[in-house]
């Protein structure tokens, strides 16, 4: 019987080789016509003005996206555990089956509490909604 890691290694090699080969072939076959229009920043059809350092982005969009990714990955880990939970309890007992998931959810709860305390999940409110309270600018 062959080692199952050989198949996983072969799959990993193919997964890396195909994109690298495609990028190498496309860089060799594509036409190279450098011109000024290709080197400028594309701003949805608008002519770019000023520096990119002057643009103010609201960091909340990125924080919400990051938190979504973290808690989306959480479901990827919790779902398979819930599928095998009853079999795991029968095989190793309730404590050994439940404790790792309780620790995992506890770590996520601590992370969510930290993010909440630091304002990562608090959206910027309009001045009209806060009735004169200080808001982020």
C-alpha atoms as a PDB file:
ATOM      1  CA  UNK A   1       0.000   0.000   0.000  1.00  0.00           C
ATOM      2  CA  UNK A   2       1.406   3.401  -0.961  1.00  0.00           C
ATOM      3  CA  UNK A   3       1.858   6.322   1.362  1.00  0.00           C
ATOM      4  CA  UNK A   4      -1.098   8.786   1.226  1.00  0.00           C
ATOM      5  CA  UNK A   5       1.291  11.724   1.658  1.00  0.00           C
ATOM      6  CA  UNK A   6       2.680  11.045  -1.810  1.00  0.00           C
ATOM      7  CA  UNK A   7      -0.681  11.938  -3.338  1.00  0.00           C
ATOM      8  CA  UNK A   8      -0.937  15.087  -1.219  1.00  0.00           C
ATOM      9  CA  UNK A   9       2.599  16.103  -2.192  1.00  0.00           C
ATOM     10  CA  UNK A  10       1.882  15.471  -5.869  1.00  0.00           C
ATOM     11  CA  UNK A  11      -1.286  17.557  -5.635  1.00  0.00           C
ATOM     12  CA  UNK A  12       0.651  20.390  -3.971  1.00  0.00           C
ATOM     13  CA  UNK A  13       3.311  20.289  -6.693  1.00  0.00           C
ATOM     14  CA  UNK A  14       0.656  20.422  -9.414  1.00  0.00           C
ATOM     15  CA  UNK A  15      -1.190  23.217  -7.600  1.00  0.00           C
ATOM     16  CA  UNK A  16       1.978  25.328  -7.601  1.00  0.00           C
ATOM     17  CA  UNK A  17       3.294  24.287 -11.013  1.00  0.00           C
ATOM     18  CA  UNK A  18       0.174  25.113 -13.044  1.00  0.00           C
ATOM     19  CA  UNK A  19      -0.148  28.801 -12.043  1.00  0.00           C
ATOM     20  CA  UNK A  20       3.620  29.383 -12.212  1.00  0.00           C
ATOM     21  CA  UNK A  21       3.755  27.831 -15.686  1.00  0.00           C
ATOM     22  CA  UNK A  22       0.768  29.868 -16.863  1.00  0.00           C
ATOM     23  CA  UNK A  23       2.338  33.114 -15.613  1.00  0.00           C
ATOM     24  CA  UNK A  24       5.693  32.261 -17.221  1.00  0.00           C
ATOM     25  CA  UNK A  25       4.129  31.397 -20.585  1.00  0.00           C
ATOM     26  CA  UNK A  26       1.914  34.497 -20.585  1.00  0.00           C
ATOM     27  CA  UNK A  27       4.865  36.763 -19.747  1.00  0.00           C
ATOM     28  CA  UNK A  28       6.797  35.277 -22.674  1.00  0.00           C
ATOM     29  CA  UNK A  29       3.931  35.479 -25.181  1.00  0.00           C
ATOM     30  CA  UNK A  30       2.334  38.808 -24.325  1.00  0.00           C
ATOM     31  CA  UNK A  31       3.221  41.878 -26.367  1.00  0.00           C
ATOM     32  CA  UNK A  32       5.311  44.447 -24.565  1.00  0.00           C
ATOM     33  CA  UNK A  33       4.346  47.970 -25.577  1.00  0.00           C
ATOM     34  CA  UNK A  34       5.225  50.331 -22.730  1.00  0.00           C
ATOM     35  CA  UNK A  35       3.478  53.663 -22.924  1.00  0.00           C
ATOM     36  CA  UNK A  36       2.524  56.433 -20.534  1.00  0.00           C
ATOM     37  CA  UNK A  37      -1.157  55.436 -20.334  1.00  0.00           C
ATOM     38  CA  UNK A  38      -0.341  51.976 -19.048  1.00  0.00           C
ATOM     39  CA  UNK A  39       1.794  53.324 -16.236  1.00  0.00           C
ATOM     40  CA  UNK A  40      -0.794  55.681 -14.766  1.00  0.00           C
ATOM     41  CA  UNK A  41      -3.135  54.792 -11.947  1.00  0.00           C
ATOM     42  CA  UNK A  42      -6.590  53.740 -13.097  1.00  0.00           C
ATOM     43  CA  UNK A  43      -9.248  55.663 -11.172  1.00  0.00           C
ATOM     44  CA  UNK A  44     -12.486  54.326 -12.683  1.00  0.00           C
ATOM     45  CA  UNK A  45     -11.983  56.319 -15.861  1.00  0.00           C
ATOM     46  CA  UNK A  46     -11.163  59.560 -14.019  1.00  0.00           C
ATOM     47  CA  UNK A  47      -7.894  61.399 -14.362  1.00  0.00           C
ATOM     48  CA  UNK A  48      -5.988  60.877 -11.090  1.00  0.00           C
ATOM     49  CA  UNK A  49      -5.272  64.048  -9.155  1.00  0.00           C
ATOM     50  CA  UNK A  50      -3.023  64.506  -6.172  1.00  0.00           C
ATOM     51  CA  UNK A  51      -1.157  61.876  -4.236  1.00  0.00           C
ATOM     52  CA  UNK A  52      -2.518  58.622  -2.883  1.00  0.00           C
ATOM     53  CA  UNK A  53      -1.218  59.637   0.547  1.00  0.00           C
ATOM     54  CA  UNK A  54      -3.792  62.441   0.706  1.00  0.00           C
ATOM     55  CA  UNK A  55      -6.773  60.122   0.340  1.00  0.00           C
ATOM     56  CA  UNK A  56      -8.500  59.248   3.609  1.00  0.00           C
ATOM     57  CA  UNK A  57      -9.971  55.756   3.839  1.00  0.00           C
ATOM     58  CA  UNK A  58     -12.252  54.633   6.601  1.00  0.00           C
ATOM     59  CA  UNK A  59     -10.443  51.767   8.322  1.00  0.00           C
ATOM     60  CA  UNK A  60     -13.769  50.327   9.509  1.00  0.00           C
ATOM     61  CA  UNK A  61     -14.375  48.721   6.103  1.00  0.00           C
ATOM     62  CA  UNK A  62     -11.170  46.742   6.459  1.00  0.00           C
ATOM     63  CA  UNK A  63     -11.830  45.857  10.098  1.00  0.00           C
ATOM     64  CA  UNK A  64     -15.307  44.531   9.304  1.00  0.00           C
ATOM     65  CA  UNK A  65     -13.891  42.508   6.399  1.00  0.00           C
ATOM     66  CA  UNK A  66     -11.141  41.075   8.598  1.00  0.00           C
ATOM     67  CA  UNK A  67     -13.587  40.151  11.349  1.00  0.00           C
ATOM     68  CA  UNK A  68     -15.863  38.554   8.758  1.00  0.00           C
ATOM     69  CA  UNK A  69     -12.994  36.409   7.482  1.00  0.00           C
ATOM     70  CA  UNK A  70     -12.037  35.345  11.024  1.00  0.00           C
ATOM     71  CA  UNK A  71     -15.565  34.354  11.978  1.00  0.00           C
ATOM     72  CA  UNK A  72     -16.222  32.793   8.584  1.00  0.00           C
ATOM     73  CA  UNK A  73     -13.217  30.535   9.085  1.00  0.00           C
ATOM     74  CA  UNK A  74     -14.626  29.731  12.518  1.00  0.00           C
ATOM     75  CA  UNK A  75     -17.643  28.107  10.885  1.00  0.00           C
ATOM     76  CA  UNK A  76     -15.324  26.045   8.687  1.00  0.00           C
ATOM     77  CA  UNK A  77     -13.849  24.535  11.853  1.00  0.00           C
ATOM     78  CA  UNK A  78     -17.055  24.235  13.868  1.00  0.00           C
ATOM     79  CA  UNK A  79     -19.225  22.578  11.203  1.00  0.00           C
ATOM     80  CA  UNK A  80     -17.166  19.370  10.814  1.00  0.00           C
ATOM     81  CA  UNK A  81     -16.866  19.141  14.604  1.00  0.00           C
ATOM     82  CA  UNK A  82     -20.652  19.263  14.970  1.00  0.00           C
ATOM     83  CA  UNK A  83     -21.028  16.518  12.365  1.00  0.00           C
ATOM     84  CA  UNK A  84     -18.783  14.083  14.255  1.00  0.00           C
ATOM     85  CA  UNK A  85     -19.666  15.217  17.796  1.00  0.00           C
ATOM     86  CA  UNK A  86     -21.917  12.279  18.733  1.00  0.00           C
ATOM     87  CA  UNK A  87     -19.445   9.728  17.369  1.00  0.00           C
ATOM     88  CA  UNK A  88     -16.579  11.495  19.156  1.00  0.00           C
ATOM     89  CA  UNK A  89     -18.444  11.446  22.475  1.00  0.00           C
ATOM     90  CA  UNK A  90     -19.054   7.715  22.058  1.00  0.00           C
ATOM     91  CA  UNK A  91     -15.396   7.097  21.201  1.00  0.00           C
ATOM     92  CA  UNK A  92     -13.457   9.335  23.632  1.00  0.00           C
ATOM     93  CA  UNK A  93     -16.004  10.732  26.084  1.00  0.00           C
ATOM     94  CA  UNK A  94     -17.722  14.071  26.448  1.00  0.00           C
ATOM     95  CA  UNK A  95     -14.823  15.952  28.030  1.00  0.00           C
ATOM     96  CA  UNK A  96     -12.270  15.072  25.365  1.00  0.00           C
ATOM     97  CA  UNK A  97     -14.774  15.801  22.595  1.00  0.00           C
ATOM     98  CA  UNK A  98     -16.136  19.062  24.006  1.00  0.00           C
ATOM     99  CA  UNK A  99     -13.123  20.709  25.657  1.00  0.00           C
ATOM    100  CA  UNK A 100     -11.140  21.607  22.492  1.00  0.00           C
ATOM    101  CA  UNK A 101     -14.158  23.303  20.929  1.00  0.00           C
ATOM    102  CA  UNK A 102     -14.964  25.186  24.149  1.00  0.00           C
ATOM    103  CA  UNK A 103     -11.357  26.447  24.227  1.00  0.00           C
ATOM    104  CA  UNK A 104     -11.564  27.417  20.533  1.00  0.00           C
ATOM    105  CA  UNK A 105     -14.833  29.315  20.993  1.00  0.00           C
ATOM    106  CA  UNK A 106     -13.458  30.890  24.172  1.00  0.00           C
ATOM    107  CA  UNK A 107     -10.428  32.236  22.296  1.00  0.00           C
ATOM    108  CA  UNK A 108     -12.739  33.630  19.613  1.00  0.00           C
ATOM    109  CA  UNK A 109     -14.955  35.234  22.272  1.00  0.00           C
ATOM    110  CA  UNK A 110     -11.916  36.875  23.885  1.00  0.00           C
ATOM    111  CA  UNK A 111     -10.824  38.163  20.459  1.00  0.00           C
ATOM    112  CA  UNK A 112     -14.303  39.510  19.734  1.00  0.00           C
ATOM    113  CA  UNK A 113     -14.406  41.180  23.161  1.00  0.00           C
ATOM    114  CA  UNK A 114     -11.026  42.785  22.503  1.00  0.00           C
ATOM    115  CA  UNK A 115     -12.137  44.016  19.074  1.00  0.00           C
ATOM    116  CA  UNK A 116     -15.370  45.346  20.535  1.00  0.00           C
ATOM    117  CA  UNK A 117     -13.569  47.129  23.392  1.00  0.00           C
ATOM    118  CA  UNK A 118     -11.144  48.759  20.939  1.00  0.00           C
ATOM    119  CA  UNK A 119     -13.979  49.955  18.706  1.00  0.00           C
ATOM    120  CA  UNK A 120     -13.324  47.653  15.758  1.00  0.00           C
ATOM    121  CA  UNK A 121     -16.987  46.659  15.484  1.00  0.00           C
ATOM    122  CA  UNK A 122     -18.424  50.063  16.311  1.00  0.00           C
ATOM    123  CA  UNK A 123     -19.446  51.740  13.086  1.00  0.00           C
ATOM    124  CA  UNK A 124     -18.993  55.491  12.677  1.00  0.00           C
ATOM    125  CA  UNK A 125     -22.261  57.226  13.476  1.00  0.00           C
ATOM    126  CA  UNK A 126     -23.627  60.294  11.783  1.00  0.00           C
ATOM    127  CA  UNK A 127     -23.659  63.554  13.770  1.00  0.00           C
ATOM    128  CA  UNK A 128     -27.446  63.571  13.567  1.00  0.00           C
ATOM    129  CA  UNK A 129     -27.652  60.130  15.215  1.00  0.00           C
ATOM    130  CA  UNK A 130     -25.297  61.057  18.061  1.00  0.00           C
ATOM    131  CA  UNK A 131     -26.883  64.501  18.613  1.00  0.00           C
ATOM    132  CA  UNK A 132     -23.681  66.466  18.957  1.00  0.00           C
ATOM    133  CA  UNK A 133     -21.458  63.812  20.491  1.00  0.00           C
ATOM    134  CA  UNK A 134     -17.873  63.582  19.302  1.00  0.00           C
ATOM    135  CA  UNK A 135     -17.534  61.516  16.127  1.00  0.00           C
ATOM    136  CA  UNK A 136     -14.592  60.187  14.173  1.00  0.00           C
ATOM    137  CA  UNK A 137     -13.409  62.273  11.281  1.00  0.00           C
END
